[in-house]
């Protein structure tokens, strides 16, 4: 049996992970995080974001 993360593309995994932790973010913070993640994926993971998300 495969897990959710083994059978979904990276972008779907990222959105799923954000959905699971969305209550930690205000709407603005969540959108900023999503945009940073999308840019990071596009650049091949070269952004090194060390902000504390808690």
C-alpha atoms as a PDB file:
ATOM      1  CA  UNK A   1       0.000   0.000   0.000  1.00  0.00           C
ATOM      2  CA  UNK A   2       1.329   3.438  -0.908  1.00  0.00           C
ATOM      3  CA  UNK A   3       1.025   6.560   1.195  1.00  0.00           C
ATOM      4  CA  UNK A   4      -0.432   9.866   0.085  1.00  0.00           C
ATOM      5  CA  UNK A   5       3.029  11.342  -0.461  1.00  0.00           C
ATOM      6  CA  UNK A   6       4.304   8.418  -2.556  1.00  0.00           C
ATOM      7  CA  UNK A   7       1.567   8.711  -5.144  1.00  0.00           C
ATOM      8  CA  UNK A   8       1.129  12.473  -5.508  1.00  0.00           C
ATOM      9  CA  UNK A   9       3.256  15.017  -7.414  1.00  0.00           C
ATOM     10  CA  UNK A  10       5.444  17.384  -5.387  1.00  0.00           C
ATOM     11  CA  UNK A  11       3.111  20.371  -5.754  1.00  0.00           C
ATOM     12  CA  UNK A  12       0.174  18.338  -4.447  1.00  0.00           C
ATOM     13  CA  UNK A  13       2.315  17.193  -1.505  1.00  0.00           C
ATOM     14  CA  UNK A  14       3.234  20.817  -0.742  1.00  0.00           C
ATOM     15  CA  UNK A  15      -0.381  21.962  -0.844  1.00  0.00           C
ATOM     16  CA  UNK A  16      -1.442  18.984   1.283  1.00  0.00           C
ATOM     17  CA  UNK A  17       1.193  19.772   3.887  1.00  0.00           C
ATOM     18  CA  UNK A  18       0.098  23.414   3.925  1.00  0.00           C
ATOM     19  CA  UNK A  19      -3.533  22.389   4.356  1.00  0.00           C
ATOM     20  CA  UNK A  20      -2.599  20.245   7.357  1.00  0.00           C
ATOM     21  CA  UNK A  21      -0.825  23.149   9.053  1.00  0.00           C
ATOM     22  CA  UNK A  22      -2.958  26.034   7.761  1.00  0.00           C
ATOM     23  CA  UNK A  23      -4.317  26.889  11.194  1.00  0.00           C
ATOM     24  CA  UNK A  24      -0.835  28.138  12.160  1.00  0.00           C
ATOM     25  CA  UNK A  25      -1.035  30.887   9.567  1.00  0.00           C
ATOM     26  CA  UNK A  26      -3.180  33.889   8.960  1.00  0.00           C
ATOM     27  CA  UNK A  27      -4.517  34.070   5.415  1.00  0.00           C
ATOM     28  CA  UNK A  28      -1.747  36.474   4.377  1.00  0.00           C
ATOM     29  CA  UNK A  29       1.014  34.362   5.928  1.00  0.00           C
ATOM     30  CA  UNK A  30      -0.365  31.215   4.286  1.00  0.00           C
ATOM     31  CA  UNK A  31      -0.428  32.850   0.847  1.00  0.00           C
ATOM     32  CA  UNK A  32       3.132  34.139   1.303  1.00  0.00           C
ATOM     33  CA  UNK A  33       4.295  30.656   2.335  1.00  0.00           C
ATOM     34  CA  UNK A  34       2.547  29.061  -0.650  1.00  0.00           C
ATOM     35  CA  UNK A  35       4.128  31.553  -3.061  1.00  0.00           C
ATOM     36  CA  UNK A  36       7.587  31.012  -1.539  1.00  0.00           C
ATOM     37  CA  UNK A  37       7.154  27.238  -1.832  1.00  0.00           C
ATOM     38  CA  UNK A  38       6.092  27.515  -5.477  1.00  0.00           C
ATOM     39  CA  UNK A  39       9.067  29.753  -6.300  1.00  0.00           C
ATOM     40  CA  UNK A  40      11.365  27.378  -4.414  1.00  0.00           C
ATOM     41  CA  UNK A  41      10.053  24.413  -6.440  1.00  0.00           C
ATOM     42  CA  UNK A  42      10.474  26.385  -9.686  1.00  0.00           C
ATOM     43  CA  UNK A  43      14.079  27.291  -8.772  1.00  0.00           C
ATOM     44  CA  UNK A  44      14.891  23.718  -7.831  1.00  0.00           C
ATOM     45  CA  UNK A  45      15.017  24.210  -4.067  1.00  0.00           C
ATOM     46  CA  UNK A  46      17.607  26.990  -4.021  1.00  0.00           C
ATOM     47  CA  UNK A  47      15.707  29.220  -1.579  1.00  0.00           C
ATOM     48  CA  UNK A  48      16.826  28.578   1.975  1.00  0.00           C
ATOM     49  CA  UNK A  49      13.899  29.759   4.108  1.00  0.00           C
ATOM     50  CA  UNK A  50      14.754  29.310   7.798  1.00  0.00           C
ATOM     51  CA  UNK A  51      11.788  31.163   9.295  1.00  0.00           C
ATOM     52  CA  UNK A  52      10.061  29.574  12.265  1.00  0.00           C
ATOM     53  CA  UNK A  53       6.530  28.611  11.194  1.00  0.00           C
ATOM     54  CA  UNK A  54       5.136  28.025  14.675  1.00  0.00           C
END
